[in-house]
C-alpha atoms as a PDB file:
ATOM      1  CA  MET A   1      -0.071   0.342  -0.106  1.00  0.00           C
ATOM      2  CA  GLU A   2       2.501   2.360   0.714  1.00  0.00           C
ATOM      3  CA  THR A   3       4.733   1.489  -2.527  1.00  0.00           C
ATOM      4  CA  MET A   4       1.573   2.008  -4.191  1.00  0.00           C
ATOM      5  CA  SER A   5       1.340   5.683  -2.825  1.00  0.00           C
ATOM      6  CA  LYS A   6       4.761   6.777  -3.315  1.00  0.00           C
ATOM      7  CA  LYS A   7       4.642   5.608  -7.005  1.00  0.00           C
ATOM      8  CA  ASN A   8       1.346   7.869  -7.331  1.00  0.00           C
ATOM      9  CA  SER A   9       3.023  10.828  -5.534  1.00  0.00           C
ATOM     10  CA  ASN A  10       5.843  10.235  -8.110  1.00  0.00           C
ATOM     11  CA  GLU A  11       3.643   9.965 -11.429  1.00  0.00           C
ATOM     12  CA  MET A  12       1.935  13.375  -9.977  1.00  0.00           C
ATOM     13  CA  THR A  13       4.788  15.087  -9.311  1.00  0.00           C
ATOM     14  CA  ALA A  14       5.990  14.302 -12.674  1.00  0.00           C
ATOM     15  CA  GLU A  15       3.074  15.380 -14.535  1.00  0.00           C
ATOM     16  CA  THR A  16       3.156  18.525 -12.686  1.00  0.00           C
ATOM     17  CA  HIS A  17       6.530  19.065 -14.310  1.00  0.00           C
ATOM     18  CA  ARG A  18       5.410  18.278 -17.610  1.00  0.00           C
ATOM     19  CA  SER A  19       2.208  20.297 -17.785  1.00  0.00           C
ATOM     20  CA  PRO A  20       3.013  23.962 -16.902  1.00  0.00           C
ATOM     21  CA  PRO A  21       0.099  26.028 -15.288  1.00  0.00           C
ATOM     22  CA  ALA A  22      -2.564  27.747 -17.215  1.00  0.00           C
ATOM     23  CA  ALA A  23      -1.329  31.155 -16.605  1.00  0.00           C
ATOM     24  CA  TYR A  24       1.998  30.384 -18.350  1.00  0.00           C
ATOM     25  CA  LEU A  25       0.138  28.463 -21.283  1.00  0.00           C
ATOM     26  CA  LEU A  26       0.686  30.990 -24.788  1.00  0.00           C
ATOM     27  CA  PRO A  27      -2.685  32.190 -25.953  1.00  0.00           C
ATOM     28  CA  GLU A  28      -3.785  29.942 -29.524  1.00  0.00           C
ATOM     29  CA  LYS A  29      -3.840  33.200 -31.659  1.00  0.00           C
ATOM     30  CA  PRO A  30      -1.904  36.338 -31.620  1.00  0.00           C
ATOM     31  CA  ILE A  31      -3.131  39.498 -29.807  1.00  0.00           C
ATOM     32  CA  VAL A  32      -1.461  41.548 -32.786  1.00  0.00           C
ATOM     33  CA  THR A  33      -0.773  40.914 -36.148  1.00  0.00           C
ATOM     34  CA  LEU A  34       1.071  43.380 -38.150  1.00  0.00           C
ATOM     35  CA  GLU A  35       0.645  41.974 -41.673  1.00  0.00           C
ATOM     36  CA  ALA A  36       1.723  43.843 -45.067  1.00  0.00           C
ATOM     37  CA  SER A  37      -1.084  45.447 -46.967  1.00  0.00           C
ATOM     38  CA  GLU A  38      -0.946  44.780 -50.591  1.00  0.00           C
ATOM     39  CA  SER A  39      -3.143  47.835 -51.904  1.00  0.00           C
ATOM     40  CA  TRP A  40      -5.049  50.246 -50.085  1.00  0.00           C
ATOM     41  CA  VAL A  41      -2.536  51.437 -47.323  1.00  0.00           C
ATOM     42  CA  ALA A  42      -4.031  53.414 -44.322  1.00  0.00           C
ATOM     43  CA  LEU A  43      -2.405  56.691 -42.224  1.00  0.00           C
ATOM     44  CA  ASN A  44      -3.359  55.691 -38.952  1.00  0.00           C
ATOM     45  CA  ILE A  45      -3.737  59.415 -37.823  1.00  0.00           C
ATOM     46  CA  CYS A  46      -4.786  57.768 -34.448  1.00  0.00           C
ATOM     47  CA  ASP A  47      -1.699  56.403 -34.115  1.00  0.00           C
ATOM     48  CA  LEU A  48       0.627  59.533 -34.381  1.00  0.00           C
ATOM     49  CA  TRP A  49      -2.097  60.863 -31.430  1.00  0.00           C
ATOM     50  CA  ALA A  50      -1.803  57.617 -29.210  1.00  0.00           C
ATOM     51  CA  TYR A  51       2.181  58.482 -29.704  1.00  0.00           C
ATOM     52  CA  ARG A  52       2.264  62.257 -29.295  1.00  0.00           C
ATOM     53  CA  GLU A  53       4.478  61.998 -26.168  1.00  0.00           C
ATOM     54  CA  LEU A  54       7.267  60.195 -28.180  1.00  0.00           C
ATOM     55  CA  LEU A  55       6.685  62.706 -31.078  1.00  0.00           C
ATOM     56  CA  TYR A  56       7.646  65.492 -27.949  1.00  0.00           C
ATOM     57  CA  PHE A  57      10.531  63.496 -26.522  1.00  0.00           C
ATOM     58  CA  LEU A  58      12.043  62.969 -29.978  1.00  0.00           C
ATOM     59  CA  VAL A  59      11.604  67.054 -30.620  1.00  0.00           C
ATOM     60  CA  TRP A  60      13.630  67.634 -27.487  1.00  0.00           C
ATOM     61  CA  ARG A  61      16.060  65.010 -28.356  1.00  0.00           C
ATOM     62  CA  ASP A  62      16.542  66.585 -31.659  1.00  0.00           C
ATOM     63  CA  ILE A  63      17.326  70.572 -30.239  1.00  0.00           C
ATOM     64  CA  LYS A  64      19.620  68.817 -27.413  1.00  0.00           C
ATOM     65  CA  VAL A  65      21.880  66.968 -29.686  1.00  0.00           C
ATOM     66  CA  ARG A  66      21.761  69.885 -32.427  1.00  0.00           C
ATOM     67  CA  TYR A  67      23.095  72.627 -29.365  1.00  0.00           C
ATOM     68  CA  ARG A  68      25.361  69.948 -27.238  1.00  0.00           C
ATOM     69  CA  GLN A  69      28.780  71.162 -26.745  1.00  0.00           C
ATOM     70  CA  THR A  70      28.206  74.367 -28.628  1.00  0.00           C
ATOM     71  CA  VAL A  71      29.465  78.005 -27.423  1.00  0.00           C
ATOM     72  CA  LEU A  72      26.481  79.715 -28.633  1.00  0.00           C
ATOM     73  CA  GLY A  73      24.172  77.205 -28.445  1.00  0.00           C
ATOM     74  CA  ALA A  74      20.574  78.198 -29.635  1.00  0.00           C
ATOM     75  CA  GLY A  75      22.355  81.525 -31.106  1.00  0.00           C
ATOM     76  CA  TRP A  76      22.955  79.795 -33.905  1.00  0.00           C
ATOM     77  CA  ALA A  77      19.362  79.831 -34.999  1.00  0.00           C
ATOM     78  CA  ILE A  78      19.928  83.666 -35.219  1.00  0.00           C
ATOM     79  CA  LEU A  79      23.398  83.760 -36.560  1.00  0.00           C
ATOM     80  CA  GLN A  80      22.428  82.002 -39.669  1.00  0.00           C
ATOM     81  CA  PRO A  81      19.978  84.658 -41.111  1.00  0.00           C
ATOM     82  CA  LEU A  82      21.389  87.294 -39.960  1.00  0.00           C
ATOM     83  CA  VAL A  83      24.598  86.765 -41.284  1.00  0.00           C
ATOM     84  CA  ALA A  84      22.796  85.487 -44.850  1.00  0.00           C
ATOM     85  CA  MET A  85      21.095  88.765 -44.196  1.00  0.00           C
ATOM     86  CA  LEU A  86      24.021  91.167 -43.947  1.00  0.00           C
ATOM     87  CA  VAL A  87      25.929  89.394 -46.818  1.00  0.00           C
ATOM     88  CA  PHE A  88      22.483  89.513 -49.407  1.00  0.00           C
ATOM     89  CA  THR A  89      22.345  93.553 -48.098  1.00  0.00           C
ATOM     90  CA  TYR A  90      25.626  94.003 -49.244  1.00  0.00           C
ATOM     91  CA  PHE A  91      26.184  92.395 -52.588  1.00  0.00           C
ATOM     92  CA  PHE A  92      22.530  92.543 -53.758  1.00  0.00           C
ATOM     93  CA  GLY A  93      21.063  95.628 -52.257  1.00  0.00           C
ATOM     94  CA  LYS A  94      23.842  98.082 -51.809  1.00  0.00           C
ATOM     95  CA  LEU A  95      25.837  96.964 -55.212  1.00  0.00           C
ATOM     96  CA  ALA A  96      23.543  95.243 -57.175  1.00  0.00           C
ATOM     97  CA  ARG A  97      20.380  97.852 -56.380  1.00  0.00           C
ATOM     98  CA  ILE A  98      17.809  95.191 -56.321  1.00  0.00           C
ATOM     99  CA  PRO A  99      14.283  96.454 -55.754  1.00  0.00           C
ATOM    100  CA  SER A 100      12.372  95.976 -52.710  1.00  0.00           C
ATOM    101  CA  ASP A 101       9.167  97.173 -53.357  1.00  0.00           C
ATOM    102  CA  GLY A 102       9.488 100.090 -51.087  1.00  0.00           C
ATOM    103  CA  ILE A 103      11.077  98.324 -47.724  1.00  0.00           C
ATOM    104  CA  PRO A 104      14.061  98.731 -46.324  1.00  0.00           C
ATOM    105  CA  TYR A 105      16.108  96.212 -47.936  1.00  0.00           C
ATOM    106  CA  PRO A 106      17.795  94.398 -44.720  1.00  0.00           C
ATOM    107  CA  ILE A 107      14.268  93.442 -43.542  1.00  0.00           C
ATOM    108  CA  PHE A 108      12.686  92.829 -46.546  1.00  0.00           C
ATOM    109  CA  VAL A 109      15.748  89.663 -47.290  1.00  0.00           C
ATOM    110  CA  TYR A 110      15.200  88.920 -43.552  1.00  0.00           C
ATOM    111  CA  ALA A 111      11.745  88.316 -43.967  1.00  0.00           C
ATOM    112  CA  GLY A 112      12.207  86.234 -46.677  1.00  0.00           C
ATOM    113  CA  LEU A 113      15.348  84.301 -45.087  1.00  0.00           C
ATOM    114  CA  LEU A 114      13.265  83.257 -42.134  1.00  0.00           C
ATOM    115  CA  PRO A 115      10.183  81.104 -43.261  1.00  0.00           C
ATOM    116  CA  TRP A 116      13.491  80.104 -46.250  1.00  0.00           C
ATOM    117  CA  THR A 117      15.375  78.520 -43.616  1.00  0.00           C
ATOM    118  CA  PHE A 118      12.854  77.093 -41.317  1.00  0.00           C
ATOM    119  CA  CYS A 119      11.562  75.445 -44.124  1.00  0.00           C
ATOM    120  CA  SER A 120      15.133  73.798 -45.958  1.00  0.00           C
ATOM    121  CA  ASN A 121      16.634  73.004 -42.640  1.00  0.00           C
ATOM    122  CA  ALA A 122      13.538  71.460 -41.702  1.00  0.00           C
ATOM    123  CA  ILE A 123      13.499  69.585 -45.000  1.00  0.00           C
ATOM    124  CA  LEU A 124      16.899  68.441 -44.842  1.00  0.00           C
ATOM    125  CA  ASN A 125      16.533  66.984 -41.355  1.00  0.00           C
ATOM    126  CA  ALA A 126      13.416  65.229 -42.136  1.00  0.00           C
ATOM    127  CA  GLY A 127      15.245  63.745 -45.320  1.00  0.00           C
ATOM    128  CA  ASN A 128      18.257  62.182 -43.197  1.00  0.00           C
ATOM    129  CA  SER A 129      16.264  61.491 -40.091  1.00  0.00           C
ATOM    130  CA  LEU A 130      15.043  58.030 -41.015  1.00  0.00           C
ATOM    131  CA  VAL A 131      18.379  56.707 -41.496  1.00  0.00           C
ATOM    132  CA  GLY A 132      19.555  58.618 -38.618  1.00  0.00           C
ATOM    133  CA  SER A 133      17.250  56.902 -36.517  1.00  0.00           C
ATOM    134  CA  SER A 134      17.888  52.938 -37.848  1.00  0.00           C
ATOM    135  CA  ASN A 135      18.144  51.630 -34.395  1.00  0.00           C
ATOM    136  CA  LEU A 136      15.037  52.598 -33.352  1.00  0.00           C
ATOM    137  CA  ILE A 137      13.664  51.498 -36.713  1.00  0.00           C
ATOM    138  CA  THR A 138      14.715  47.806 -36.344  1.00  0.00           C
ATOM    139  CA  LYS A 139      13.949  47.411 -32.758  1.00  0.00           C
ATOM    140  CA  VAL A 140      10.863  49.343 -31.486  1.00  0.00           C
ATOM    141  CA  TYR A 141       7.508  49.552 -33.220  1.00  0.00           C
ATOM    142  CA  PHE A 142       5.951  52.932 -33.424  1.00  0.00           C
ATOM    143  CA  PRO A 143       4.715  55.292 -36.352  1.00  0.00           C
ATOM    144  CA  ARG A 144       7.471  55.928 -38.524  1.00  0.00           C
ATOM    145  CA  LEU A 145       6.063  59.467 -39.350  1.00  0.00           C
ATOM    146  CA  ILE A 146       6.753  60.495 -36.203  1.00  0.00           C
ATOM    147  CA  ILE A 147      10.429  60.839 -36.842  1.00  0.00           C
ATOM    148  CA  PRO A 148      10.434  63.446 -39.615  1.00  0.00           C
ATOM    149  CA  SER A 149       7.696  65.254 -38.074  1.00  0.00           C
ATOM    150  CA  ALA A 150      10.012  65.491 -34.907  1.00  0.00           C
ATOM    151  CA  ALA A 151      12.676  67.187 -37.489  1.00  0.00           C
ATOM    152  CA  VAL A 152       9.714  69.654 -38.666  1.00  0.00           C
ATOM    153  CA  GLY A 153       8.694  70.603 -35.070  1.00  0.00           C
ATOM    154  CA  SER A 154      12.411  70.998 -33.627  1.00  0.00           C
ATOM    155  CA  GLY A 155      12.873  73.417 -36.746  1.00  0.00           C
ATOM    156  CA  LEU A 156       9.825  75.237 -35.268  1.00  0.00           C
ATOM    157  CA  ILE A 157      11.854  76.302 -31.970  1.00  0.00           C
ATOM    158  CA  ASP A 158      14.522  77.546 -33.998  1.00  0.00           C
ATOM    159  CA  PHE A 159      12.339  79.440 -36.284  1.00  0.00           C
ATOM    160  CA  ALA A 160      10.542  81.375 -32.838  1.00  0.00           C
ATOM    161  CA  ILE A 161      14.015  82.115 -31.699  1.00  0.00           C
ATOM    162  CA  ALA A 162      15.035  83.780 -35.122  1.00  0.00           C
ATOM    163  CA  PHE A 163      11.764  85.232 -35.306  1.00  0.00           C
ATOM    164  CA  GLY A 164      12.532  87.547 -32.032  1.00  0.00           C
ATOM    165  CA  LEU A 165      15.285  89.383 -34.393  1.00  0.00           C
ATOM    166  CA  LEU A 166      12.736  90.347 -36.758  1.00  0.00           C
ATOM    167  CA  ILE A 167      10.188  92.101 -34.231  1.00  0.00           C
ATOM    168  CA  GLY A 168      13.870  93.769 -33.222  1.00  0.00           C
ATOM    169  CA  LEU A 169      14.066  95.117 -37.084  1.00  0.00           C
ATOM    170  CA  LEU A 170      10.535  96.049 -37.220  1.00  0.00           C
ATOM    171  CA  VAL A 171      10.966  98.359 -34.328  1.00  0.00           C
ATOM    172  CA  PHE A 172      13.647  99.747 -35.514  1.00  0.00           C
ATOM    173  CA  TYR A 173      12.069 100.657 -38.944  1.00  0.00           C
ATOM    174  CA  ASP A 174       8.836 101.767 -37.412  1.00  0.00           C
ATOM    175  CA  PHE A 175       6.833  99.343 -38.814  1.00  0.00           C
ATOM    176  CA  VAL A 176       3.189  99.565 -37.084  1.00  0.00           C
ATOM    177  CA  VAL A 177       1.326  96.329 -36.311  1.00  0.00           C
ATOM    178  CA  THR A 178      -1.656  96.034 -38.112  1.00  0.00           C
ATOM    179  CA  TRP A 179      -4.739  93.817 -38.784  1.00  0.00           C
ATOM    180  CA  ASN A 180      -2.421  91.788 -41.572  1.00  0.00           C
ATOM    181  CA  LEU A 181      -0.408  90.108 -38.706  1.00  0.00           C
ATOM    182  CA  LEU A 182      -3.523  87.860 -38.020  1.00  0.00           C
ATOM    183  CA  MET A 183      -2.901  85.790 -41.082  1.00  0.00           C
ATOM    184  CA  LEU A 184       0.950  84.961 -40.023  1.00  0.00           C
ATOM    185  CA  PRO A 185       0.316  81.882 -37.324  1.00  0.00           C
ATOM    186  CA  ALA A 186      -1.910  80.863 -40.627  1.00  0.00           C
ATOM    187  CA  LEU A 187       1.238  81.044 -43.142  1.00  0.00           C
ATOM    188  CA  VAL A 188       3.725  79.601 -40.145  1.00  0.00           C
ATOM    189  CA  LEU A 189       1.689  76.707 -40.394  1.00  0.00           C
ATOM    190  CA  VAL A 190       1.375  76.234 -43.851  1.00  0.00           C
ATOM    191  CA  THR A 191       5.567  76.645 -44.437  1.00  0.00           C
ATOM    192  CA  ALA A 192       5.422  73.662 -41.973  1.00  0.00           C
ATOM    193  CA  LEU A 193       3.272  71.543 -43.893  1.00  0.00           C
ATOM    194  CA  LEU A 194       5.232  71.907 -46.830  1.00  0.00           C
ATOM    195  CA  ALA A 195       8.537  71.337 -44.984  1.00  0.00           C
ATOM    196  CA  LEU A 196       6.594  68.001 -43.776  1.00  0.00           C
ATOM    197  CA  GLY A 197       5.674  66.527 -46.775  1.00  0.00           C
ATOM    198  CA  VAL A 198       8.425  67.770 -48.708  1.00  0.00           C
ATOM    199  CA  GLY A 199      10.733  66.018 -45.788  1.00  0.00           C
ATOM    200  CA  MET A 200       8.295  62.965 -45.420  1.00  0.00           C
ATOM    201  CA  TRP A 201       8.960  62.354 -49.327  1.00  0.00           C
ATOM    202  CA  MET A 202      12.647  62.567 -49.257  1.00  0.00           C
ATOM    203  CA  ALA A 203      13.102  60.761 -45.876  1.00  0.00           C
ATOM    204  CA  ALA A 204      11.352  57.693 -47.648  1.00  0.00           C
ATOM    205  CA  LEU A 205      13.254  57.978 -51.011  1.00  0.00           C
ATOM    206  CA  ASN A 206      16.503  58.610 -48.549  1.00  0.00           C
ATOM    207  CA  VAL A 207      15.510  55.020 -47.267  1.00  0.00           C
ATOM    208  CA  ARG A 208      15.753  53.293 -50.712  1.00  0.00           C
ATOM    209  CA  PHE A 209      17.994  55.144 -52.714  1.00  0.00           C
ATOM    210  CA  ARG A 210      20.948  56.948 -50.766  1.00  0.00           C
ATOM    211  CA  ASP A 211      21.562  59.492 -53.446  1.00  0.00           C
ATOM    212  CA  MET A 212      19.083  61.571 -52.385  1.00  0.00           C
ATOM    213  CA  ARG A 213      21.283  62.320 -49.637  1.00  0.00           C
ATOM    214  CA  TYR A 214      23.824  64.179 -51.910  1.00  0.00           C
ATOM    215  CA  ALA A 215      21.260  65.656 -54.293  1.00  0.00           C
ATOM    216  CA  LEU A 216      19.011  66.933 -51.579  1.00  0.00           C
ATOM    217  CA  PRO A 217      20.882  69.877 -50.718  1.00  0.00           C
ATOM    218  CA  PHE A 218      21.723  70.694 -54.809  1.00  0.00           C
ATOM    219  CA  LEU A 219      17.915  70.798 -55.063  1.00  0.00           C
ATOM    220  CA  ILE A 220      17.662  72.939 -52.284  1.00  0.00           C
ATOM    221  CA  GLN A 221      20.142  75.739 -53.688  1.00  0.00           C
ATOM    222  CA  VAL A 222      18.202  75.931 -56.933  1.00  0.00           C
ATOM    223  CA  TRP A 223      15.033  76.080 -55.106  1.00  0.00           C
ATOM    224  CA  PHE A 224      16.897  79.302 -52.949  1.00  0.00           C
ATOM    225  CA  PHE A 225      17.390  80.881 -56.281  1.00  0.00           C
ATOM    226  CA  THR A 226      14.007  80.354 -57.917  1.00  0.00           C
ATOM    227  CA  THR A 227      12.279  81.818 -54.904  1.00  0.00           C
ATOM    228  CA  PRO A 228      11.630  85.245 -54.523  1.00  0.00           C
ATOM    229  CA  ILE A 229      14.059  85.977 -51.336  1.00  0.00           C
ATOM    230  CA  ILE A 230      16.312  88.475 -52.236  1.00  0.00           C
ATOM    231  CA  TYR A 231      14.352  89.930 -54.975  1.00  0.00           C
ATOM    232  CA  PRO A 232      10.620  90.996 -55.059  1.00  0.00           C
ATOM    233  CA  SER A 233       8.221  88.690 -57.631  1.00  0.00           C
ATOM    234  CA  SER A 234       7.537  92.035 -59.120  1.00  0.00           C
ATOM    235  CA  MET A 235      11.015  91.931 -60.999  1.00  0.00           C
ATOM    236  CA  MET A 236       9.527  88.914 -63.147  1.00  0.00           C
ATOM    237  CA  PRO A 237       7.666  90.527 -66.427  1.00  0.00           C
ATOM    238  CA  GLU A 238       4.401  90.024 -66.363  1.00  0.00           C
ATOM    239  CA  ASN A 239       4.016  87.558 -69.308  1.00  0.00           C
ATOM    240  CA  GLN A 240       6.273  85.348 -67.191  1.00  0.00           C
ATOM    241  CA  ARG A 241       5.093  85.779 -63.991  1.00  0.00           C
ATOM    242  CA  TRP A 242       3.356  82.556 -63.683  1.00  0.00           C
ATOM    243  CA  LEU A 243       6.311  80.546 -63.830  1.00  0.00           C
ATOM    244  CA  ILE A 244       7.664  81.851 -60.392  1.00  0.00           C
ATOM    245  CA  VAL A 245       3.908  81.666 -58.997  1.00  0.00           C
ATOM    246  CA  LEU A 246       4.084  77.842 -59.669  1.00  0.00           C
ATOM    247  CA  ASN A 247       6.646  77.665 -56.708  1.00  0.00           C
ATOM    248  CA  PRO A 248       4.704  77.135 -53.857  1.00  0.00           C
ATOM    249  CA  LEU A 249       6.828  79.181 -51.678  1.00  0.00           C
ATOM    250  CA  THR A 250       6.178  82.161 -53.820  1.00  0.00           C
ATOM    251  CA  GLY A 251       3.237  82.506 -52.404  1.00  0.00           C
ATOM    252  CA  ILE A 252       3.953  81.804 -48.912  1.00  0.00           C
ATOM    253  CA  ILE A 253       7.183  84.574 -48.479  1.00  0.00           C
ATOM    254  CA  GLU A 254       4.913  87.341 -50.446  1.00  0.00           C
ATOM    255  CA  GLY A 255       1.874  86.526 -47.911  1.00  0.00           C
ATOM    256  CA  TYR A 256       4.813  86.893 -45.025  1.00  0.00           C
ATOM    257  CA  ARG A 257       5.767  89.810 -46.447  1.00  0.00           C
ATOM    258  CA  ALA A 258       2.611  91.542 -46.487  1.00  0.00           C
ATOM    259  CA  SER A 259       1.409  90.332 -43.170  1.00  0.00           C
ATOM    260  CA  LEU A 260       4.356  91.865 -41.394  1.00  0.00           C
ATOM    261  CA  PHE A 261       4.678  95.405 -43.473  1.00  0.00           C
ATOM    262  CA  ASP A 262       0.585  95.869 -44.447  1.00  0.00           C
ATOM    263  CA  GLN A 263       0.660  94.896 -48.160  1.00  0.00           C
ATOM    264  CA  VAL A 264      -1.989  93.684 -50.170  1.00  0.00           C
ATOM    265  CA  PHE A 265      -2.168  89.901 -50.664  1.00  0.00           C
ATOM    266  CA  ASP A 266      -1.678  87.919 -53.337  1.00  0.00           C
ATOM    267  CA  TRP A 267      -4.633  85.910 -52.845  1.00  0.00           C
ATOM    268  CA  SER A 268      -3.920  83.833 -55.979  1.00  0.00           C
ATOM    269  CA  ALA A 269      -0.641  82.891 -55.266  1.00  0.00           C
ATOM    270  CA  LEU A 270      -1.245  82.385 -51.808  1.00  0.00           C
ATOM    271  CA  ALA A 271      -4.304  79.606 -52.928  1.00  0.00           C
ATOM    272  CA  LEU A 272      -2.241  77.885 -55.201  1.00  0.00           C
ATOM    273  CA  SER A 273       0.472  77.392 -52.550  1.00  0.00           C
ATOM    274  CA  VAL A 274      -1.617  75.995 -49.916  1.00  0.00           C
ATOM    275  CA  ALA A 275      -3.614  73.842 -52.502  1.00  0.00           C
ATOM    276  CA  PHE A 276       0.135  72.386 -53.787  1.00  0.00           C
ATOM    277  CA  THR A 277       1.209  72.355 -49.843  1.00  0.00           C
ATOM    278  CA  LEU A 278      -2.188  70.134 -48.870  1.00  0.00           C
ATOM    279  CA  ALA A 279      -1.952  67.625 -52.223  1.00  0.00           C
ATOM    280  CA  LEU A 280       2.238  67.168 -51.568  1.00  0.00           C
ATOM    281  CA  LEU A 281       1.667  66.353 -47.899  1.00  0.00           C
ATOM    282  CA  VAL A 282      -1.338  63.715 -48.808  1.00  0.00           C
ATOM    283  CA  TYR A 283       0.547  62.482 -52.011  1.00  0.00           C
ATOM    284  CA  ALA A 284       3.702  62.290 -49.245  1.00  0.00           C
ATOM    285  CA  ALA A 285       2.318  60.724 -46.654  1.00  0.00           C
ATOM    286  CA  TYR A 286       0.796  57.764 -48.846  1.00  0.00           C
ATOM    287  CA  THR A 287       4.315  57.140 -50.482  1.00  0.00           C
ATOM    288  CA  PHE A 288       5.831  57.278 -46.794  1.00  0.00           C
ATOM    289  CA  ARG A 289       2.898  54.278 -45.819  1.00  0.00           C
ATOM    290  CA  ARG A 290       3.524  52.162 -48.892  1.00  0.00           C
ATOM    291  CA  LEU A 291       7.242  52.352 -48.610  1.00  0.00           C
ATOM    292  CA  GLU A 292       7.235  51.855 -44.856  1.00  0.00           C
ATOM    293  CA  ARG A 293       6.856  47.963 -45.247  1.00  0.00           C
ATOM    294  CA  SER A 294      10.380  47.813 -46.472  1.00  0.00           C
ATOM    295  CA  PHE A 295      12.445  50.562 -44.243  1.00  0.00           C
ATOM    296  CA  ALA A 296      13.953  47.949 -42.010  1.00  0.00           C
ATOM    297  CA  GLU A 297      15.024  45.869 -44.833  1.00  0.00           C
ATOM    298  CA  PHE A 298      16.785  48.779 -46.821  1.00  0.00           C
ATOM    299  CA  ILE A 299      17.965  50.904 -43.663  1.00  0.00           C
END
């Protein structure tokens, strides 16, 4: 009897070791399944809102990394457009005598350099953001759209710092505050959306084609000279002005000057810039989502 009891006890112990508790059993079906869509790709805007804290963290990470171990720190945000303004004022305003629509040339060119510097830097940083964050993309899941969005968001901080110098210039040249300034937040938003659209598109292409890393600075340089920053759009002959209006930054930068200097808005050019920006943003977002499935493979 005692022998049988020991035998049953040994069998129960072996059975316990062979069968893990129910709490440790794996579910029959996975909780979350990640699959690549073959046709339609949703943007998943709700996911971006759910990961908004990560976006905030990445924005401040980019700012800290940018100015870490620098002597001037955030002063570089002012120094870049300021030095460019001084150089352009001497060569194009004083020597070449390029007209500025009755506005003092230094503040005329600075009002164009401010949104241009923000837009170009945001596009460059966003275009290289995915390649620079390869360690995050290959290890952790989150909406990849957050990475170029953080690059654009960090550029807004530099824009706000450099805008302080513009306020000083407006006071120095005795410009008065008018109702046109109410358009300024909308113009900043359109500029940020344009930078985000181009930046997302370039970031997705840069993962697959590393030539974009070298082509992007060249394309931005060409874009600068085709944008009315150091010259007014009124310099163009009337029958050729439609060429410069096709540039989406033309209506935006002319809108900044109309808002700051109490001029008449060119609503047709501004509407074209807004329409182009929204169309490009939607196209870039869907292109980004289609190429996103191969990021981990090529990055």
